[in-house]
């Protein structure tokens, strides 16, 4: 019977990790949240004595989602069968301006009224 030469055997316990490679990582501070530039509200004529101040229009949309990058977020709204996506500073229906997009909601400004309204994710669907 012929004698076979002994084959080297693999030993998984003799595994040696290669030395670590020095990699330089650039660390930058986080940017502050992006907010819409302040837009001067148009001056409304002074109300007559005894007249109620004008009310802002009703915002007809429901906030259904927030997505995108932190420095450029996108908000999605729905009303009836219409879905729209907007970013900071966009105008909806010529009446509503997106002032701020946060983690849980959006601040809506009004084109012809100085007040703002906060719209939150409400699980409407």
N, C-alpha and C. Protein backbone atom coordinates (compact mmCIF):
# COMPACT_ATOMS: atom_id res chain seq x y z
N UNK A 1 0.82 -1.16 0.00
CA UNK A 1 0.00 0.00 0.00
C UNK A 1 0.89 1.25 0.00
N UNK A 2 0.58 2.20 -0.87
CA UNK A 2 1.43 3.41 -0.94
C UNK A 2 1.17 4.34 0.24
N UNK A 3 2.17 5.04 0.65
CA UNK A 3 2.06 6.00 1.77
C UNK A 3 1.80 7.36 1.16
N UNK A 4 0.74 8.00 1.65
CA UNK A 4 0.39 9.35 1.17
C UNK A 4 1.12 10.40 1.99
N UNK A 5 1.54 11.44 1.30
CA UNK A 5 2.19 12.55 2.01
C UNK A 5 1.14 13.26 2.86
N UNK A 6 1.52 13.67 4.03
CA UNK A 6 0.56 14.31 4.93
C UNK A 6 0.22 15.71 4.40
N UNK A 7 -1.07 15.97 4.27
CA UNK A 7 -1.56 17.26 3.78
C UNK A 7 -1.68 18.23 4.97
N UNK A 8 -1.30 19.49 4.76
CA UNK A 8 -1.50 20.46 5.85
C UNK A 8 -3.02 20.64 6.08
N UNK A 9 -3.38 20.74 7.32
CA UNK A 9 -4.79 20.87 7.65
C UNK A 9 -5.11 22.32 8.02
N UNK A 10 -6.32 22.68 7.76
CA UNK A 10 -6.79 24.02 8.07
C UNK A 10 -7.21 24.05 9.53
N UNK A 11 -6.74 25.06 10.27
CA UNK A 11 -7.09 25.20 11.67
C UNK A 11 -7.78 26.55 11.86
N UNK A 12 -9.11 26.55 12.06
CA UNK A 12 -9.81 27.84 12.18
C UNK A 12 -9.43 28.61 13.45
N UNK A 13 -8.81 27.98 14.42
CA UNK A 13 -8.45 28.67 15.64
C UNK A 13 -7.11 29.39 15.53
N UNK A 14 -6.42 29.20 14.40
CA UNK A 14 -5.17 29.90 14.20
C UNK A 14 -5.35 31.12 13.31
N UNK A 15 -6.59 31.57 13.15
CA UNK A 15 -6.87 32.74 12.31
C UNK A 15 -6.33 33.99 12.99
N UNK A 16 -5.62 34.79 12.24
CA UNK A 16 -5.06 36.03 12.76
C UNK A 16 -5.62 37.18 11.94
N UNK A 17 -6.17 38.19 12.64
CA UNK A 17 -6.72 39.36 11.94
C UNK A 17 -5.57 40.21 11.43
N UNK A 18 -5.73 40.78 10.23
CA UNK A 18 -4.69 41.69 9.74
C UNK A 18 -4.69 42.96 10.60
N UNK A 19 -3.55 43.64 10.65
CA UNK A 19 -3.50 44.87 11.46
C UNK A 19 -4.48 45.91 10.89
N UNK A 20 -5.08 46.75 11.76
CA UNK A 20 -6.04 47.74 11.28
C UNK A 20 -5.37 48.78 10.39
N UNK A 21 -6.15 49.25 9.43
CA UNK A 21 -5.67 50.28 8.51
C UNK A 21 -6.07 51.63 9.10
N UNK A 22 -5.14 52.57 9.15
CA UNK A 22 -5.46 53.90 9.67
C UNK A 22 -6.27 54.66 8.63
N UNK A 23 -7.49 55.00 9.00
CA UNK A 23 -8.38 55.76 8.13
C UNK A 23 -8.75 57.04 8.85
N UNK A 24 -8.56 58.16 8.20
CA UNK A 24 -8.92 59.43 8.81
C UNK A 24 -10.38 59.72 8.51
N UNK A 25 -11.13 60.04 9.56
CA UNK A 25 -12.54 60.35 9.42
C UNK A 25 -12.74 61.83 9.69
N UNK A 26 -13.41 62.50 8.76
CA UNK A 26 -13.68 63.92 8.94
C UNK A 26 -14.95 64.06 9.77
N UNK A 27 -14.85 64.73 10.89
CA UNK A 27 -16.01 64.95 11.76
C UNK A 27 -16.39 66.41 11.70
N UNK A 28 -17.65 66.62 11.30
CA UNK A 28 -18.15 67.99 11.22
C UNK A 28 -19.32 68.15 12.18
N UNK A 29 -19.52 69.32 12.73
CA UNK A 29 -20.68 69.51 13.62
C UNK A 29 -21.97 69.46 12.80
N UNK A 30 -23.05 69.04 13.44
CA UNK A 30 -24.35 69.00 12.78
C UNK A 30 -24.81 70.41 12.45
N UNK A 31 -25.51 70.52 11.34
CA UNK A 31 -26.05 71.82 10.95
C UNK A 31 -27.31 72.11 11.75
N UNK A 32 -27.59 73.39 12.01
CA UNK A 32 -28.84 73.71 12.69
C UNK A 32 -30.02 73.43 11.75
N UNK A 33 -31.23 73.24 12.28
CA UNK A 33 -32.38 72.95 11.42
C UNK A 33 -32.65 74.09 10.45
N UNK A 34 -33.12 73.72 9.27
CA UNK A 34 -33.40 74.69 8.23
C UNK A 34 -34.77 75.31 8.50
N UNK A 35 -34.82 76.62 8.46
CA UNK A 35 -36.11 77.31 8.62
C UNK A 35 -36.32 78.22 7.42
N UNK A 36 -37.56 78.50 7.14
CA UNK A 36 -37.89 79.35 6.00
C UNK A 36 -37.45 80.78 6.29
N UNK A 37 -37.02 81.50 5.26
CA UNK A 37 -36.66 82.89 5.48
C UNK A 37 -37.90 83.69 5.89
N UNK A 38 -37.67 84.63 6.76
CA UNK A 38 -38.79 85.45 7.22
C UNK A 38 -39.27 86.32 6.06
N UNK A 39 -40.56 86.26 5.82
CA UNK A 39 -41.16 87.05 4.75
C UNK A 39 -42.03 88.10 5.43
N UNK A 40 -41.83 89.33 5.06
CA UNK A 40 -42.63 90.40 5.65
C UNK A 40 -44.08 90.26 5.19
N UNK A 41 -44.98 90.24 6.16
CA UNK A 41 -46.40 90.13 5.82
C UNK A 41 -46.89 91.44 5.25
N UNK A 42 -47.74 91.39 4.23
CA UNK A 42 -48.26 92.63 3.67
C UNK A 42 -49.10 93.35 4.72
N UNK A 43 -49.02 94.66 4.73
CA UNK A 43 -49.77 95.46 5.69
C UNK A 43 -51.23 95.52 5.29
N UNK A 44 -52.08 95.03 6.18
CA UNK A 44 -53.51 95.08 5.93
C UNK A 44 -54.05 96.43 6.39
N UNK A 45 -55.10 96.91 5.75
CA UNK A 45 -55.67 98.18 6.20
C UNK A 45 -56.20 98.03 7.62
N UNK A 46 -56.18 99.11 8.36
CA UNK A 46 -56.64 99.09 9.75
C UNK A 46 -58.13 98.74 9.79
N UNK A 47 -58.51 97.80 10.68
CA UNK A 47 -59.93 97.43 10.73
C UNK A 47 -60.77 98.57 11.31
N UNK A 48 -62.01 98.61 10.90
CA UNK A 48 -62.93 99.62 11.40
C UNK A 48 -63.23 99.33 12.86
N UNK A 49 -63.61 100.35 13.57
CA UNK A 49 -63.94 100.19 14.99
C UNK A 49 -65.13 99.24 15.12
N UNK A 50 -65.01 98.25 15.99
CA UNK A 50 -66.10 97.31 16.21
C UNK A 50 -66.10 96.14 15.25
N UNK A 51 -65.27 96.18 14.21
CA UNK A 51 -65.23 95.08 13.24
C UNK A 51 -64.28 93.99 13.76
N UNK A 52 -64.64 92.74 13.54
CA UNK A 52 -63.80 91.62 13.97
C UNK A 52 -62.58 91.54 13.05
N UNK A 53 -61.41 91.18 13.62
CA UNK A 53 -60.23 91.05 12.75
C UNK A 53 -60.44 89.90 11.76
N UNK A 54 -59.86 90.04 10.57
CA UNK A 54 -60.05 88.98 9.58
C UNK A 54 -59.42 87.67 10.06
N UNK A 55 -60.08 86.59 9.79
CA UNK A 55 -59.61 85.26 10.19
C UNK A 55 -58.82 84.64 9.05
N UNK A 56 -57.78 83.87 9.39
CA UNK A 56 -57.03 83.18 8.33
C UNK A 56 -57.93 82.11 7.71
N UNK A 57 -57.67 81.75 6.45
CA UNK A 57 -58.47 80.71 5.82
C UNK A 57 -58.24 79.35 6.49
N UNK A 58 -59.20 78.46 6.38
CA UNK A 58 -59.09 77.11 6.94
C UNK A 58 -58.14 76.29 6.07
N UNK A 59 -57.21 75.58 6.70
CA UNK A 59 -56.27 74.74 5.96
C UNK A 59 -56.95 73.40 5.70
N UNK A 60 -57.25 73.08 4.43
CA UNK A 60 -58.07 71.90 4.13
C UNK A 60 -57.31 70.58 4.02
N UNK A 61 -56.03 70.58 4.25
CA UNK A 61 -55.22 69.38 4.03
C UNK A 61 -54.91 68.66 5.33
N UNK A 62 -54.67 67.35 5.24
CA UNK A 62 -54.20 66.53 6.35
C UNK A 62 -52.75 66.15 6.05
N UNK A 63 -51.89 66.24 7.06
CA UNK A 63 -50.49 65.85 6.92
C UNK A 63 -50.41 64.33 7.00
N UNK A 64 -49.92 63.69 5.94
CA UNK A 64 -49.88 62.22 5.92
C UNK A 64 -48.47 61.66 6.02
N UNK A 65 -47.44 62.51 5.91
CA UNK A 65 -46.09 61.97 6.03
C UNK A 65 -45.02 63.02 5.89
N UNK A 66 -43.87 62.72 6.49
CA UNK A 66 -42.67 63.55 6.38
C UNK A 66 -41.54 62.64 5.96
N UNK A 67 -40.77 63.06 4.99
CA UNK A 67 -39.67 62.24 4.52
C UNK A 67 -38.61 63.11 3.90
N UNK A 68 -37.54 62.51 3.42
CA UNK A 68 -36.44 63.26 2.82
C UNK A 68 -35.30 63.42 3.81
N UNK A 69 -34.30 64.15 3.39
CA UNK A 69 -33.12 64.39 4.23
C UNK A 69 -33.44 65.41 5.31
N UNK A 70 -32.67 65.37 6.39
CA UNK A 70 -32.89 66.28 7.51
C UNK A 70 -32.68 67.73 7.07
N UNK A 71 -31.72 67.98 6.20
CA UNK A 71 -31.46 69.35 5.78
C UNK A 71 -32.38 69.83 4.66
N UNK A 72 -33.22 68.96 4.11
CA UNK A 72 -34.14 69.36 3.05
C UNK A 72 -35.39 68.47 3.13
N UNK A 73 -36.19 68.60 4.20
CA UNK A 73 -37.33 67.70 4.40
C UNK A 73 -38.47 67.98 3.42
N UNK A 74 -39.31 66.97 3.25
CA UNK A 74 -40.47 67.05 2.37
C UNK A 74 -41.69 66.62 3.19
N UNK A 75 -42.80 67.33 3.02
CA UNK A 75 -44.05 66.99 3.71
C UNK A 75 -45.08 66.60 2.65
N UNK A 76 -45.91 65.61 2.98
CA UNK A 76 -46.96 65.15 2.07
C UNK A 76 -48.32 65.43 2.72
N UNK A 77 -49.21 66.04 1.93
CA UNK A 77 -50.55 66.38 2.40
C UNK A 77 -51.57 65.74 1.47
N UNK A 78 -52.80 65.54 2.00
CA UNK A 78 -53.89 65.02 1.19
C UNK A 78 -55.16 65.80 1.53
N UNK A 79 -55.96 66.06 0.51
CA UNK A 79 -57.29 66.64 0.68
C UNK A 79 -58.15 66.05 -0.43
N UNK A 80 -59.29 65.49 -0.03
CA UNK A 80 -60.17 64.79 -0.98
C UNK A 80 -59.35 63.69 -1.66
N UNK A 81 -59.18 63.77 -2.98
CA UNK A 81 -58.38 62.76 -3.69
C UNK A 81 -57.08 63.35 -4.22
N UNK A 82 -56.65 64.47 -3.67
CA UNK A 82 -55.46 65.18 -4.14
C UNK A 82 -54.33 65.03 -3.12
N UNK A 83 -53.18 64.52 -3.56
CA UNK A 83 -52.00 64.38 -2.72
C UNK A 83 -50.94 65.34 -3.25
N UNK A 84 -50.34 66.13 -2.36
CA UNK A 84 -49.28 67.05 -2.77
C UNK A 84 -48.08 66.88 -1.85
N UNK A 85 -46.90 67.15 -2.39
CA UNK A 85 -45.67 67.15 -1.61
C UNK A 85 -45.08 68.55 -1.69
N UNK A 86 -44.57 69.04 -0.57
CA UNK A 86 -44.04 70.39 -0.51
C UNK A 86 -42.74 70.41 0.28
N UNK A 87 -41.97 71.46 0.06
CA UNK A 87 -40.75 71.69 0.81
C UNK A 87 -40.83 73.05 1.46
N UNK A 88 -39.84 73.37 2.25
CA UNK A 88 -39.78 74.62 2.97
C UNK A 88 -39.91 75.81 2.02
N UNK A 89 -40.82 76.74 2.31
CA UNK A 89 -40.99 77.93 1.49
C UNK A 89 -41.99 77.79 0.36
N UNK A 90 -42.45 76.56 0.07
CA UNK A 90 -43.43 76.37 -1.00
C UNK A 90 -44.78 76.95 -0.61
N UNK A 91 -45.58 77.32 -1.62
CA UNK A 91 -46.92 77.85 -1.42
C UNK A 91 -47.93 76.83 -1.91
N UNK A 92 -49.01 76.63 -1.13
CA UNK A 92 -50.07 75.71 -1.50
C UNK A 92 -51.31 76.52 -1.84
N UNK A 93 -51.87 76.29 -2.99
CA UNK A 93 -53.10 76.94 -3.45
C UNK A 93 -53.02 78.47 -3.42
N UNK A 94 -51.84 79.04 -3.43
CA UNK A 94 -51.69 80.50 -3.43
C UNK A 94 -52.09 81.15 -2.12
N UNK A 95 -52.41 80.37 -1.07
CA UNK A 95 -52.86 80.92 0.20
C UNK A 95 -52.00 80.53 1.38
N UNK A 96 -51.37 79.36 1.32
CA UNK A 96 -50.65 78.82 2.47
C UNK A 96 -49.17 78.68 2.14
N UNK A 97 -48.31 79.05 3.09
CA UNK A 97 -46.86 79.00 2.91
C UNK A 97 -46.28 78.04 3.95
N UNK A 98 -45.38 77.16 3.53
CA UNK A 98 -44.71 76.23 4.45
C UNK A 98 -43.59 76.99 5.14
N UNK A 99 -43.76 77.25 6.45
CA UNK A 99 -42.78 78.03 7.21
C UNK A 99 -41.70 77.14 7.84
N UNK A 100 -42.09 75.97 8.32
CA UNK A 100 -41.12 75.10 9.01
C UNK A 100 -41.61 73.67 8.91
N UNK A 101 -40.68 72.73 8.69
CA UNK A 101 -40.99 71.30 8.69
C UNK A 101 -40.17 70.67 9.79
N UNK A 102 -40.87 70.13 10.80
CA UNK A 102 -40.20 69.52 11.95
C UNK A 102 -40.29 68.01 11.89
N UNK A 103 -40.01 67.38 13.02
CA UNK A 103 -40.02 65.92 13.08
C UNK A 103 -41.44 65.37 13.11
N UNK A 104 -42.34 66.06 13.82
CA UNK A 104 -43.70 65.55 13.99
C UNK A 104 -44.77 66.42 13.35
N UNK A 105 -44.38 67.51 12.73
CA UNK A 105 -45.40 68.37 12.16
C UNK A 105 -44.83 69.47 11.29
N UNK A 106 -45.73 70.32 10.79
CA UNK A 106 -45.38 71.39 9.86
C UNK A 106 -46.05 72.68 10.33
N UNK A 107 -45.33 73.80 10.23
CA UNK A 107 -45.91 75.10 10.51
C UNK A 107 -46.34 75.72 9.19
N UNK A 108 -47.61 76.09 9.12
CA UNK A 108 -48.19 76.68 7.93
C UNK A 108 -48.41 78.16 8.19
N UNK A 109 -47.94 78.99 7.29
CA UNK A 109 -48.21 80.42 7.35
C UNK A 109 -49.26 80.76 6.29
N UNK A 110 -49.80 81.94 6.39
CA UNK A 110 -50.83 82.37 5.46
C UNK A 110 -50.30 83.54 4.66
N UNK A 111 -50.59 83.56 3.37
CA UNK A 111 -50.07 84.60 2.49
C UNK A 111 -50.62 85.96 2.89
N UNK A 112 -51.89 86.06 3.24
CA UNK A 112 -52.51 87.35 3.53
C UNK A 112 -52.89 87.50 5.00
N UNK A 113 -52.20 86.77 5.88
CA UNK A 113 -52.49 86.87 7.30
C UNK A 113 -51.20 86.59 8.06
N UNK A 114 -50.91 87.33 9.13
CA UNK A 114 -49.62 87.17 9.81
C UNK A 114 -49.50 85.94 10.71
N UNK A 115 -50.58 85.26 11.01
CA UNK A 115 -50.50 84.13 11.96
C UNK A 115 -50.00 82.86 11.28
N UNK A 116 -49.66 81.86 12.12
CA UNK A 116 -49.26 80.55 11.62
C UNK A 116 -50.10 79.48 12.30
N UNK A 117 -50.11 78.31 11.70
CA UNK A 117 -50.88 77.18 12.23
C UNK A 117 -49.97 75.97 12.20
N UNK A 118 -50.02 75.15 13.25
CA UNK A 118 -49.21 73.93 13.31
C UNK A 118 -50.09 72.75 12.92
N UNK A 119 -49.62 71.97 11.94
CA UNK A 119 -50.32 70.78 11.48
C UNK A 119 -49.44 69.59 11.86
N UNK A 120 -50.01 68.63 12.62
CA UNK A 120 -49.26 67.49 13.07
C UNK A 120 -49.71 66.22 12.34
N UNK A 121 -48.84 65.22 12.36
CA UNK A 121 -49.23 63.92 11.85
C UNK A 121 -50.37 63.43 12.74
N UNK A 122 -51.52 63.15 12.14
CA UNK A 122 -52.68 62.83 12.95
C UNK A 122 -53.24 61.43 12.71
N UNK A 123 -52.61 60.64 11.87
CA UNK A 123 -53.12 59.31 11.61
C UNK A 123 -54.48 59.34 10.94
N UNK A 124 -54.68 60.35 10.13
CA UNK A 124 -55.97 60.57 9.48
C UNK A 124 -56.39 59.40 8.62
N UNK A 125 -55.43 58.77 7.93
CA UNK A 125 -55.78 57.66 7.05
C UNK A 125 -56.04 56.48 7.89
